[in-house]
Amino acid sequence: MNTAERMLPAIWNAISLHVAILEESGEILDVNPAWEAYRNAKGGEPKHCSKGTNYLDVCDASTLQGNNDASIVAAGIRNLFNSEGAQEFTLEYPCHSPDEQSWYQFKGWRLDWEDGKYAIISHKDVTQTVLQRQALQSEALTDNLTGIANRRHFDRFFAQEWRRDMRRGTPLSLIMLDVDYFKQYNDHYGHIAGDNCLKRIAEFLKTIAQRPGDLVVRFGGEEFAVIMGATPEKAAQRFAEFIRSNIESLSIPNENASKTNNMITVSVGVATIVPKRDTRELVLLELADESLYQAKNNGRNTVVVNNS
């Protein structure tokens, strides 16, 4: 036996990945110490994931209890044993406890050894990687000034809700609002006050979008938008008026800077459509924008609904 062969047991024990070896039936032939430590840390019973356990049986039992990730893992492992299947399989999955959130990466490799088929499977803690990725994604979809969704988030969410309401045959509503005479406000009070004004409006808007199909967005500059999935026109109109009146009630001083009021006000446009396959998403955005333009022409601090 050469040096490398003598080192194999030490390497097996030193590997930080949680590794197990399965035979074609799914039975675990061996596990390394890191696997056992992972099992103990997660409160797993030895009979469920130790040497001699049928790992596929455990996955199938977990699938019956509603664990979709277990179903994916079992299918991936079985595919490894298929001679025409993939050589590798990877899945990132959550493994949360009441005290903390954690994510793990499952990987499997096919190993043809002598006359038998085997699979090497591993778990790796990727919690920090996932949290960092989520933070970057959140930052990319969030407006830096106000902390609400930005235009990129709007585009993604709008397309998602359009498809959802198209499947359900339900109306999708869009509310667009613009701070009245904001340039004059900035000129009179300064840009720091202008930023604080936008922040206060955003803080209020964040409190009103509570449903999964709702999203509040800073659309650009002093313009905001509210996407409302599965919402008919009358409900959207009432909601728009609620927004207009409550922003006026914030009582943000606007003396000598506004022709509509001595407080900050907004003009609001509303549009509703039942999405169809032969209708572009842009149509709803254009209708809401037309409504907003009409609200400004009507003297501002008002709500206009597009009835096209």
C-alpha atoms as a PDB file:
ATOM      1  CA  MET A   1       0.000   0.000   0.000  1.00  0.00           C
ATOM      2  CA  ASN A   2       1.492   3.352  -1.045  1.00  0.00           C
ATOM      3  CA  THR A   3       1.413   6.594   0.922  1.00  0.00           C
ATOM      4  CA  ALA A   4      -1.698   7.941  -0.817  1.00  0.00           C
ATOM      5  CA  GLU A   5      -3.632   4.752  -0.100  1.00  0.00           C
ATOM      6  CA  ARG A   6      -2.607   4.854   3.562  1.00  0.00           C
ATOM      7  CA  MET A   7      -3.800   8.448   3.760  1.00  0.00           C
ATOM      8  CA  LEU A   8      -7.333   7.682   2.520  1.00  0.00           C
ATOM      9  CA  PRO A   9      -8.841   6.940   5.982  1.00  0.00           C
ATOM     10  CA  ALA A  10      -7.360  10.155   7.358  1.00  0.00           C
ATOM     11  CA  ILE A  11      -8.700  12.130   4.395  1.00  0.00           C
ATOM     12  CA  TRP A  12     -12.161  10.592   4.873  1.00  0.00           C
ATOM     13  CA  ASN A  13     -12.168  11.668   8.513  1.00  0.00           C
ATOM     14  CA  ALA A  14     -10.831  15.167   7.769  1.00  0.00           C
ATOM     15  CA  ILE A  15     -13.282  16.177   5.042  1.00  0.00           C
ATOM     16  CA  SER A  16     -15.541  18.963   6.336  1.00  0.00           C
ATOM     17  CA  LEU A  17     -18.338  18.113   3.900  1.00  0.00           C
ATOM     18  CA  HIS A  18     -20.987  15.770   5.286  1.00  0.00           C
ATOM     19  CA  VAL A  19     -20.409  12.731   3.050  1.00  0.00           C
ATOM     20  CA  ALA A  20     -22.152   9.372   2.683  1.00  0.00           C
ATOM     21  CA  ILE A  21     -21.782   6.503   0.226  1.00  0.00           C
ATOM     22  CA  LEU A  22     -24.922   4.793  -1.102  1.00  0.00           C
ATOM     23  CA  GLU A  23     -25.315   1.561  -2.987  1.00  0.00           C
ATOM     24  CA  GLU A  24     -27.886   1.260  -5.772  1.00  0.00           C
ATOM     25  CA  SER A  25     -30.682   0.182  -3.437  1.00  0.00           C
ATOM     26  CA  GLY A  26     -30.254   3.430  -1.510  1.00  0.00           C
ATOM     27  CA  GLU A  27     -28.642   1.816   1.536  1.00  0.00           C
ATOM     28  CA  ILE A  28     -25.938   3.904   3.223  1.00  0.00           C
ATOM     29  CA  LEU A  29     -22.673   1.957   3.166  1.00  0.00           C
ATOM     30  CA  ASP A  30     -20.673   4.471   5.157  1.00  0.00           C
ATOM     31  CA  VAL A  31     -20.673   8.049   6.447  1.00  0.00           C
ATOM     32  CA  ASN A  32     -17.816  10.286   7.487  1.00  0.00           C
ATOM     33  CA  PRO A  33     -17.525  11.961  10.937  1.00  0.00           C
ATOM     34  CA  ALA A  34     -18.725  15.295   9.523  1.00  0.00           C
ATOM     35  CA  TRP A  35     -21.976  13.624   8.392  1.00  0.00           C
ATOM     36  CA  GLU A  36     -22.545  12.217  11.868  1.00  0.00           C
ATOM     37  CA  ALA A  37     -21.800  15.587  13.468  1.00  0.00           C
ATOM     38  CA  TYR A  38     -24.308  17.273  11.111  1.00  0.00           C
ATOM     39  CA  ARG A  39     -26.943  14.663  11.942  1.00  0.00           C
ATOM     40  CA  ASN A  40     -26.427  15.144  15.687  1.00  0.00           C
ATOM     41  CA  ALA A  41     -26.466  18.952  15.400  1.00  0.00           C
ATOM     42  CA  LYS A  42     -29.820  18.815  13.583  1.00  0.00           C
ATOM     43  CA  GLY A  43     -31.284  16.372  16.089  1.00  0.00           C
ATOM     44  CA  GLY A  44     -31.574  13.557  13.565  1.00  0.00           C
ATOM     45  CA  GLU A  45     -32.049  10.001  14.758  1.00  0.00           C
ATOM     46  CA  PRO A  46     -29.230   7.580  13.794  1.00  0.00           C
ATOM     47  CA  LYS A  47     -31.745   5.128  12.317  1.00  0.00           C
ATOM     48  CA  HIS A  48     -32.791   7.793   9.783  1.00  0.00           C
ATOM     49  CA  CYS A  49     -29.421   8.669   8.265  1.00  0.00           C
ATOM     50  CA  SER A  50     -26.651   6.347   9.470  1.00  0.00           C
ATOM     51  CA  LYS A  51     -24.762   3.397   8.065  1.00  0.00           C
ATOM     52  CA  GLY A  52     -27.229   0.651   7.117  1.00  0.00           C
ATOM     53  CA  THR A  53     -30.170   3.051   6.656  1.00  0.00           C
ATOM     54  CA  ASN A  54     -31.872   3.161   3.265  1.00  0.00           C
ATOM     55  CA  TYR A  55     -31.542   6.836   2.388  1.00  0.00           C
ATOM     56  CA  LEU A  56     -34.074   6.627  -0.453  1.00  0.00           C
ATOM     57  CA  ASP A  57     -36.676   5.144   1.908  1.00  0.00           C
ATOM     58  CA  VAL A  58     -36.098   8.062   4.289  1.00  0.00           C
ATOM     59  CA  CYS A  59     -36.527  10.565   1.428  1.00  0.00           C
ATOM     60  CA  ASP A  60     -39.702   8.824   0.232  1.00  0.00           C
ATOM     61  CA  ALA A  61     -41.183   8.869   3.748  1.00  0.00           C
ATOM     62  CA  SER A  62     -40.378  12.569   4.076  1.00  0.00           C
ATOM     63  CA  THR A  63     -41.987  13.199   0.672  1.00  0.00           C
ATOM     64  CA  LEU A  64     -45.232  11.648   1.896  1.00  0.00           C
ATOM     65  CA  GLN A  65     -45.169  14.187   4.739  1.00  0.00           C
ATOM     66  CA  GLY A  66     -45.099  17.039   2.226  1.00  0.00           C
ATOM     67  CA  ASN A  67     -41.362  17.685   1.945  1.00  0.00           C
ATOM     68  CA  ASN A  68     -40.896  18.618  -1.723  1.00  0.00           C
ATOM     69  CA  ASP A  69     -37.107  18.928  -1.371  1.00  0.00           C
ATOM     70  CA  ALA A  70     -36.927  15.288  -0.249  1.00  0.00           C
ATOM     71  CA  SER A  71     -38.819  14.300  -3.395  1.00  0.00           C
ATOM     72  CA  ILE A  72     -36.324  16.199  -5.562  1.00  0.00           C
ATOM     73  CA  VAL A  73     -33.354  14.604  -3.776  1.00  0.00           C
ATOM     74  CA  ALA A  74     -34.763  11.088  -4.169  1.00  0.00           C
ATOM     75  CA  ALA A  75     -35.412  11.629  -7.868  1.00  0.00           C
ATOM     76  CA  GLY A  76     -31.919  13.057  -8.341  1.00  0.00           C
ATOM     77  CA  ILE A  77     -30.257  10.092  -6.615  1.00  0.00           C
ATOM     78  CA  ARG A  78     -32.259   7.552  -8.603  1.00  0.00           C
ATOM     79  CA  ASN A  79     -31.252   9.338 -11.776  1.00  0.00           C
ATOM     80  CA  LEU A  80     -27.590   8.974 -10.768  1.00  0.00           C
ATOM     81  CA  PHE A  81     -28.030   5.202 -10.718  1.00  0.00           C
ATOM     82  CA  ASN A  82     -29.634   5.289 -14.162  1.00  0.00           C
ATOM     83  CA  SER A  83     -26.945   4.415 -16.717  1.00  0.00           C
ATOM     84  CA  GLU A  84     -28.244   7.157 -18.999  1.00  0.00           C
ATOM     85  CA  GLY A  85     -28.757   9.644 -16.190  1.00  0.00           C
ATOM     86  CA  ALA A  86     -26.684  12.584 -15.031  1.00  0.00           C
ATOM     87  CA  GLN A  87     -23.235  12.143 -13.521  1.00  0.00           C
ATOM     88  CA  GLU A  88     -23.877  14.814 -10.884  1.00  0.00           C
ATOM     89  CA  PHE A  89     -26.855  16.312  -9.075  1.00  0.00           C
ATOM     90  CA  THR A  90     -27.074  19.493  -6.970  1.00  0.00           C
ATOM     91  CA  LEU A  91     -29.841  21.065  -4.873  1.00  0.00           C
ATOM     92  CA  GLU A  92     -29.820  24.027  -2.493  1.00  0.00           C
ATOM     93  CA  TYR A  93     -32.462  23.666   0.217  1.00  0.00           C
ATOM     94  CA  PRO A  94     -33.568  25.350   3.482  1.00  0.00           C
ATOM     95  CA  CYS A  95     -33.105  23.547   6.791  1.00  0.00           C
ATOM     96  CA  HIS A  96     -34.527  26.013   9.296  1.00  0.00           C
ATOM     97  CA  SER A  97     -34.962  25.526  13.019  1.00  0.00           C
ATOM     98  CA  PRO A  98     -37.146  27.549  15.417  1.00  0.00           C
ATOM     99  CA  ASP A  99     -34.061  29.517  16.460  1.00  0.00           C
ATOM    100  CA  GLU A 100     -32.311  30.206  13.164  1.00  0.00           C
ATOM    101  CA  GLN A 101     -32.492  29.997   9.404  1.00  0.00           C
ATOM    102  CA  SER A 102     -29.983  27.862   7.543  1.00  0.00           C
ATOM    103  CA  TRP A 103     -29.496  26.523   4.039  1.00  0.00           C
ATOM    104  CA  TYR A 104     -27.561  23.520   2.780  1.00  0.00           C
ATOM    105  CA  GLN A 105     -26.305  22.390  -0.579  1.00  0.00           C
ATOM    106  CA  PHE A 106     -26.899  18.744  -1.474  1.00  0.00           C
ATOM    107  CA  LYS A 107     -24.625  17.193  -4.093  1.00  0.00           C
ATOM    108  CA  GLY A 108     -24.546  13.703  -5.509  1.00  0.00           C
ATOM    109  CA  TRP A 109     -22.062  11.970  -7.811  1.00  0.00           C
ATOM    110  CA  ARG A 110     -22.365   8.643  -9.591  1.00  0.00           C
ATOM    111  CA  LEU A 111     -19.580   6.157  -8.959  1.00  0.00           C
ATOM    112  CA  ASP A 112     -19.252   3.031 -11.088  1.00  0.00           C
ATOM    113  CA  TRP A 113     -17.003   0.687  -9.107  1.00  0.00           C
ATOM    114  CA  GLU A 114     -16.107  -2.779 -10.333  1.00  0.00           C
ATOM    115  CA  ASP A 115     -19.487  -4.409 -11.121  1.00  0.00           C
ATOM    116  CA  GLY A 116     -21.637  -2.145  -8.961  1.00  0.00           C
ATOM    117  CA  LYS A 117     -23.267   1.300  -9.082  1.00  0.00           C
ATOM    118  CA  TYR A 118     -22.839   3.666  -6.170  1.00  0.00           C
ATOM    119  CA  ALA A 119     -23.555   7.300  -5.295  1.00  0.00           C
ATOM    120  CA  ILE A 120     -21.530   9.678  -3.177  1.00  0.00           C
ATOM    121  CA  ILE A 121     -23.734  12.316  -1.561  1.00  0.00           C
ATOM    122  CA  SER A 122     -22.803  15.340   0.538  1.00  0.00           C
ATOM    123  CA  HIS A 123     -24.294  18.247   2.464  1.00  0.00           C
ATOM    124  CA  LYS A 124     -22.582  21.621   2.828  1.00  0.00           C
ATOM    125  CA  ASP A 125     -23.690  24.569   4.960  1.00  0.00           C
ATOM    126  CA  VAL A 126     -24.211  27.499   2.550  1.00  0.00           C
ATOM    127  CA  THR A 127     -26.174  29.760   4.915  1.00  0.00           C
ATOM    128  CA  GLN A 128     -23.786  32.714   4.736  1.00  0.00           C
ATOM    129  CA  THR A 129     -23.641  32.508   0.954  1.00  0.00           C
ATOM    130  CA  VAL A 130     -27.439  32.487   0.693  1.00  0.00           C
ATOM    131  CA  LEU A 131     -27.846  35.389   3.134  1.00  0.00           C
ATOM    132  CA  GLN A 132     -25.258  37.444   1.243  1.00  0.00           C
ATOM    133  CA  ARG A 133     -26.977  36.663  -2.054  1.00  0.00           C
ATOM    134  CA  GLN A 134     -30.360  37.653  -0.639  1.00  0.00           C
ATOM    135  CA  ALA A 135     -28.910  40.918   0.665  1.00  0.00           C
ATOM    136  CA  LEU A 136     -27.474  41.739  -2.760  1.00  0.00           C
ATOM    137  CA  GLN A 137     -30.747  40.867  -4.469  1.00  0.00           C
ATOM    138  CA  SER A 138     -32.682  42.997  -2.012  1.00  0.00           C
ATOM    139  CA  GLU A 139     -30.318  45.913  -2.572  1.00  0.00           C
ATOM    140  CA  ALA A 140     -30.643  45.558  -6.339  1.00  0.00           C
ATOM    141  CA  LEU A 141     -34.445  45.742  -6.109  1.00  0.00           C
ATOM    142  CA  THR A 142     -34.694  48.524  -3.511  1.00  0.00           C
ATOM    143  CA  ASP A 143     -34.631  52.280  -3.945  1.00  0.00           C
ATOM    144  CA  ASN A 144     -31.656  53.648  -2.027  1.00  0.00           C
ATOM    145  CA  LEU A 145     -33.379  56.800  -0.791  1.00  0.00           C
ATOM    146  CA  THR A 146     -36.783  55.544   0.322  1.00  0.00           C
ATOM    147  CA  GLY A 147     -36.183  51.845   1.018  1.00  0.00           C
ATOM    148  CA  ILE A 148     -39.190  50.737  -1.058  1.00  0.00           C
ATOM    149  CA  ALA A 149     -39.090  48.801  -4.336  1.00  0.00           C
ATOM    150  CA  ASN A 150     -37.348  50.401  -7.308  1.00  0.00           C
ATOM    151  CA  ARG A 151     -38.174  50.386 -11.028  1.00  0.00           C
ATOM    152  CA  ARG A 152     -36.347  47.090 -11.607  1.00  0.00           C
ATOM    153  CA  HIS A 153     -38.476  45.439  -8.918  1.00  0.00           C
ATOM    154  CA  PHE A 154     -41.564  47.023 -10.464  1.00  0.00           C
ATOM    155  CA  ASP A 155     -40.827  45.490 -13.869  1.00  0.00           C
ATOM    156  CA  ARG A 156     -40.396  41.988 -12.420  1.00  0.00           C
ATOM    157  CA  PHE A 157     -43.390  42.147 -10.085  1.00  0.00           C
ATOM    158  CA  PHE A 158     -45.646  43.740 -12.701  1.00  0.00           C
ATOM    159  CA  ALA A 159     -44.901  40.940 -15.194  1.00  0.00           C
ATOM    160  CA  GLN A 160     -45.504  38.338 -12.468  1.00  0.00           C
ATOM    161  CA  GLU A 161     -48.877  39.779 -11.441  1.00  0.00           C
ATOM    162  CA  TRP A 162     -49.901  40.213 -15.073  1.00  0.00           C
ATOM    163  CA  ARG A 163     -49.373  36.488 -15.707  1.00  0.00           C
ATOM    164  CA  ARG A 164     -51.107  35.539 -12.461  1.00  0.00           C
ATOM    165  CA  ASP A 165     -54.223  37.628 -13.123  1.00  0.00           C
ATOM    166  CA  MET A 166     -54.288  36.432 -16.724  1.00  0.00           C
ATOM    167  CA  ARG A 167     -54.439  32.820 -15.481  1.00  0.00           C
ATOM    168  CA  ARG A 168     -57.160  33.663 -12.958  1.00  0.00           C
ATOM    169  CA  GLY A 169     -59.136  36.006 -15.197  1.00  0.00           C
ATOM    170  CA  THR A 170     -59.047  38.694 -12.478  1.00  0.00           C
ATOM    171  CA  PRO A 171     -58.461  42.452 -12.877  1.00  0.00           C
ATOM    172  CA  LEU A 172     -55.056  44.003 -12.309  1.00  0.00           C
ATOM    173  CA  SER A 173     -54.973  47.632 -11.144  1.00  0.00           C
ATOM    174  CA  LEU A 174     -52.159  50.153 -11.276  1.00  0.00           C
ATOM    175  CA  ILE A 175     -52.043  53.424  -9.347  1.00  0.00           C
ATOM    176  CA  MET A 176     -49.551  56.123 -10.357  1.00  0.00           C
ATOM    177  CA  LEU A 177     -48.982  59.189  -8.183  1.00  0.00           C
ATOM    178  CA  ASP A 178     -46.802  62.248  -8.549  1.00  0.00           C
ATOM    179  CA  VAL A 179     -45.917  64.822  -5.885  1.00  0.00           C
ATOM    180  CA  ASP A 180     -47.449  68.137  -6.936  1.00  0.00           C
ATOM    181  CA  TYR A 181     -45.016  70.927  -7.792  1.00  0.00           C
ATOM    182  CA  PHE A 182     -42.085  69.031  -6.318  1.00  0.00           C
ATOM    183  CA  LYS A 183     -39.499  71.065  -8.240  1.00  0.00           C
ATOM    184  CA  GLN A 184     -40.828  74.229  -6.630  1.00  0.00           C
ATOM    185  CA  TYR A 185     -40.768  72.492  -3.250  1.00  0.00           C
ATOM    186  CA  ASN A 186     -37.106  71.579  -3.752  1.00  0.00           C
ATOM    187  CA  ASP A 187     -36.257  75.087  -4.884  1.00  0.00           C
ATOM    188  CA  HIS A 188     -37.982  76.613  -1.849  1.00  0.00           C
ATOM    189  CA  TYR A 189     -36.944  74.206   0.942  1.00  0.00           C
ATOM    190  CA  GLY A 190     -33.799  72.591  -0.493  1.00  0.00           C
ATOM    191  CA  HIS A 191     -32.937  69.101  -1.687  1.00  0.00           C
ATOM    192  CA  ILE A 192     -32.460  67.640   1.804  1.00  0.00           C
ATOM    193  CA  ALA A 193     -36.016  68.629   2.686  1.00  0.00           C
ATOM    194  CA  GLY A 194     -37.108  67.217  -0.667  1.00  0.00           C
ATOM    195  CA  ASP A 195     -35.487  63.868   0.129  1.00  0.00           C
ATOM    196  CA  ASN A 196     -37.137  63.809   3.552  1.00  0.00           C
ATOM    197  CA  CYS A 197     -40.486  64.560   1.934  1.00  0.00           C
ATOM    198  CA  LEU A 198     -40.140  61.552  -0.395  1.00  0.00           C
ATOM    199  CA  LYS A 199     -39.085  59.361   2.518  1.00  0.00           C
ATOM    200  CA  ARG A 200     -42.184  60.311   4.535  1.00  0.00           C
ATOM    201  CA  ILE A 201     -44.476  59.540   1.609  1.00  0.00           C
ATOM    202  CA  ALA A 202     -42.724  56.201   1.078  1.00  0.00           C
ATOM    203  CA  GLU A 203     -43.054  55.340   4.778  1.00  0.00           C
ATOM    204  CA  PHE A 204     -46.801  55.884   4.551  1.00  0.00           C
ATOM    205  CA  LEU A 205     -47.124  53.895   1.315  1.00  0.00           C
ATOM    206  CA  LYS A 206     -45.254  50.955   2.873  1.00  0.00           C
ATOM    207  CA  THR A 207     -48.018  50.619   5.467  1.00  0.00           C
ATOM    208  CA  ILE A 208     -50.815  50.195   2.922  1.00  0.00           C
ATOM    209  CA  ALA A 209     -49.565  47.393   0.638  1.00  0.00           C
ATOM    210  CA  GLN A 210     -50.127  44.306   2.778  1.00  0.00           C
ATOM    211  CA  ARG A 211     -51.331  41.644   0.327  1.00  0.00           C
ATOM    212  CA  PRO A 212     -48.972  39.342  -1.609  1.00  0.00           C
ATOM    213  CA  GLY A 213     -50.255  40.842  -4.867  1.00  0.00           C
ATOM    214  CA  ASP A 214     -49.533  44.452  -3.849  1.00  0.00           C
ATOM    215  CA  LEU A 215     -46.283  46.361  -4.329  1.00  0.00           C
ATOM    216  CA  VAL A 216     -45.351  49.990  -3.624  1.00  0.00           C
ATOM    217  CA  VAL A 217     -42.635  51.403  -5.870  1.00  0.00           C
ATOM    218  CA  ARG A 218     -40.625  54.566  -6.278  1.00  0.00           C
ATOM    219  CA  PHE A 219     -41.093  54.792 -10.019  1.00  0.00           C
ATOM    220  CA  GLY A 220     -38.642  57.614 -10.512  1.00  0.00           C
ATOM    221  CA  GLY A 221     -37.968  61.089  -9.147  1.00  0.00           C
ATOM    222  CA  GLU A 222     -41.080  62.212  -7.266  1.00  0.00           C
ATOM    223  CA  GLU A 223     -43.299  59.593  -8.902  1.00  0.00           C
ATOM    224  CA  PHE A 224     -44.590  56.479  -7.115  1.00  0.00           C
ATOM    225  CA  ALA A 225     -46.647  53.479  -8.201  1.00  0.00           C
ATOM    226  CA  VAL A 226     -48.805  50.879  -6.490  1.00  0.00           C
ATOM    227  CA  ILE A 227     -49.457  47.528  -8.176  1.00  0.00           C
ATOM    228  CA  MET A 228     -52.657  45.854  -6.965  1.00  0.00           C
ATOM    229  CA  GLY A 229     -53.252  42.296  -8.139  1.00  0.00           C
ATOM    230  CA  ALA A 230     -56.790  40.881  -8.332  1.00  0.00           C
ATOM    231  CA  THR A 231     -58.287  44.324  -7.668  1.00  0.00           C
ATOM    232  CA  PRO A 232     -61.310  45.734  -9.562  1.00  0.00           C
ATOM    233  CA  GLU A 233     -61.506  49.347 -10.684  1.00  0.00           C
ATOM    234  CA  LYS A 234     -63.848  50.632  -7.957  1.00  0.00           C
ATOM    235  CA  ALA A 235     -61.674  49.181  -5.188  1.00  0.00           C
ATOM    236  CA  ALA A 236     -58.553  50.669  -6.777  1.00  0.00           C
ATOM    237  CA  GLN A 237     -60.269  54.055  -7.057  1.00  0.00           C
ATOM    238  CA  ARG A 238     -61.215  54.024  -3.367  1.00  0.00           C
ATOM    239  CA  PHE A 239     -57.671  53.007  -2.474  1.00  0.00           C
ATOM    240  CA  ALA A 240     -56.238  55.807  -4.627  1.00  0.00           C
ATOM    241  CA  GLU A 241     -58.423  58.378  -2.883  1.00  0.00           C
ATOM    242  CA  PHE A 242     -57.310  56.964   0.463  1.00  0.00           C
ATOM    243  CA  ILE A 243     -53.694  57.472  -0.609  1.00  0.00           C
ATOM    244  CA  ARG A 244     -54.315  61.025  -1.835  1.00  0.00           C
ATOM    245  CA  SER A 245     -56.133  62.162   1.307  1.00  0.00           C
ATOM    246  CA  ASN A 246     -53.687  60.534   3.706  1.00  0.00           C
ATOM    247  CA  ILE A 247     -50.633  62.050   2.025  1.00  0.00           C
ATOM    248  CA  GLU A 248     -52.301  65.435   2.304  1.00  0.00           C
ATOM    249  CA  SER A 249     -52.940  64.639   5.981  1.00  0.00           C
ATOM    250  CA  LEU A 250     -49.213  64.108   6.538  1.00  0.00           C
ATOM    251  CA  SER A 251     -49.221  67.925   6.718  1.00  0.00           C
ATOM    252  CA  ILE A 252     -45.789  68.378   5.182  1.00  0.00           C
ATOM    253  CA  PRO A 253     -45.484  72.184   4.906  1.00  0.00           C
ATOM    254  CA  ASN A 254     -45.411  73.514   1.354  1.00  0.00           C
ATOM    255  CA  GLU A 255     -45.913  77.240   1.857  1.00  0.00           C
ATOM    256  CA  ASN A 256     -45.060  79.539  -1.063  1.00  0.00           C
ATOM    257  CA  ALA A 257     -44.148  76.542  -3.190  1.00  0.00           C
ATOM    258  CA  SER A 258     -47.474  75.046  -4.286  1.00  0.00           C
ATOM    259  CA  LYS A 259     -50.472  76.357  -6.191  1.00  0.00           C
ATOM    260  CA  THR A 260     -52.753  73.658  -4.822  1.00  0.00           C
ATOM    261  CA  ASN A 261     -52.322  73.723  -1.074  1.00  0.00           C
ATOM    262  CA  ASN A 262     -50.039  74.894   1.699  1.00  0.00           C
ATOM    263  CA  MET A 263     -49.275  71.225   2.345  1.00  0.00           C
ATOM    264  CA  ILE A 264     -47.688  68.575   0.134  1.00  0.00           C
ATOM    265  CA  THR A 265     -50.277  66.924  -2.125  1.00  0.00           C
ATOM    266  CA  VAL A 266     -50.225  64.313  -4.895  1.00  0.00           C
ATOM    267  CA  SER A 267     -51.977  63.802  -8.205  1.00  0.00           C
ATOM    268  CA  VAL A 268     -53.148  60.232  -8.761  1.00  0.00           C
ATOM    269  CA  GLY A 269     -53.971  58.212 -11.863  1.00  0.00           C
ATOM    270  CA  VAL A 270     -55.704  54.814 -11.792  1.00  0.00           C
ATOM    271  CA  ALA A 271     -56.138  52.164 -14.469  1.00  0.00           C
ATOM    272  CA  THR A 272     -57.532  48.623 -14.366  1.00  0.00           C
ATOM    273  CA  ILE A 273     -57.479  45.843 -16.931  1.00  0.00           C
ATOM    274  CA  VAL A 274     -58.116  42.114 -17.064  1.00  0.00           C
ATOM    275  CA  PRO A 275     -54.899  40.793 -18.642  1.00  0.00           C
ATOM    276  CA  LYS A 276     -55.301  38.849 -21.890  1.00  0.00           C
ATOM    277  CA  ARG A 277     -52.809  36.896 -23.940  1.00  0.00           C
ATOM    278  CA  ASP A 278     -53.227  39.282 -26.869  1.00  0.00           C
ATOM    279  CA  THR A 279     -52.731  42.394 -24.686  1.00  0.00           C
ATOM    280  CA  ARG A 280     -49.352  43.860 -23.812  1.00  0.00           C
ATOM    281  CA  GLU A 281     -48.473  44.695 -20.203  1.00  0.00           C
ATOM    282  CA  LEU A 282     -47.447  48.159 -21.388  1.00  0.00           C
ATOM    283  CA  VAL A 283     -51.102  48.978 -22.107  1.00  0.00           C
ATOM    284  CA  LEU A 284     -51.977  49.164 -18.411  1.00  0.00           C
ATOM    285  CA  LEU A 285     -48.933  51.322 -17.678  1.00  0.00           C
ATOM    286  CA  GLU A 286     -49.910  53.715 -20.483  1.00  0.00           C
ATOM    287  CA  LEU A 287     -53.504  53.933 -19.245  1.00  0.00           C
ATOM    288  CA  ALA A 288     -52.385  54.737 -15.689  1.00  0.00           C
ATOM    289  CA  ASP A 289     -49.937  57.333 -16.991  1.00  0.00           C
ATOM    290  CA  GLU A 290     -52.704  58.970 -19.035  1.00  0.00           C
ATOM    291  CA  SER A 291     -54.861  59.126 -15.905  1.00  0.00           C
ATOM    292  CA  LEU A 292     -52.046  60.738 -13.952  1.00  0.00           C
ATOM    293  CA  TYR A 293     -51.507  63.296 -16.726  1.00  0.00           C
ATOM    294  CA  GLN A 294     -55.231  64.129 -16.657  1.00  0.00           C
ATOM    295  CA  ALA A 295     -55.170  64.512 -12.842  1.00  0.00           C
ATOM    296  CA  LYS A 296     -52.422  67.106 -13.207  1.00  0.00           C
ATOM    297  CA  ASN A 297     -54.409  68.939 -15.885  1.00  0.00           C
ATOM    298  CA  ASN A 298     -57.474  68.901 -13.642  1.00  0.00           C
ATOM    299  CA  GLY A 299     -55.731  71.087 -11.056  1.00  0.00           C
ATOM    300  CA  ARG A 300     -53.719  68.404  -9.206  1.00  0.00           C
ATOM    301  CA  ASN A 301     -54.398  66.974  -5.723  1.00  0.00           C
ATOM    302  CA  THR A 302     -57.047  64.784  -7.324  1.00  0.00           C
ATOM    303  CA  VAL A 303     -57.702  61.225  -8.528  1.00  0.00           C
ATOM    304  CA  VAL A 304     -58.551  60.322 -12.141  1.00  0.00           C
ATOM    305  CA  VAL A 305     -59.604  56.843 -13.256  1.00  0.00           C
ATOM    306  CA  ASN A 306     -59.013  55.728 -16.826  1.00  0.00           C
ATOM    307  CA  ASN A 307     -62.208  54.129 -18.084  1.00  0.00           C
ATOM    308  CA  SER A 308     -60.823  53.026 -21.451  1.00  0.00           C
END
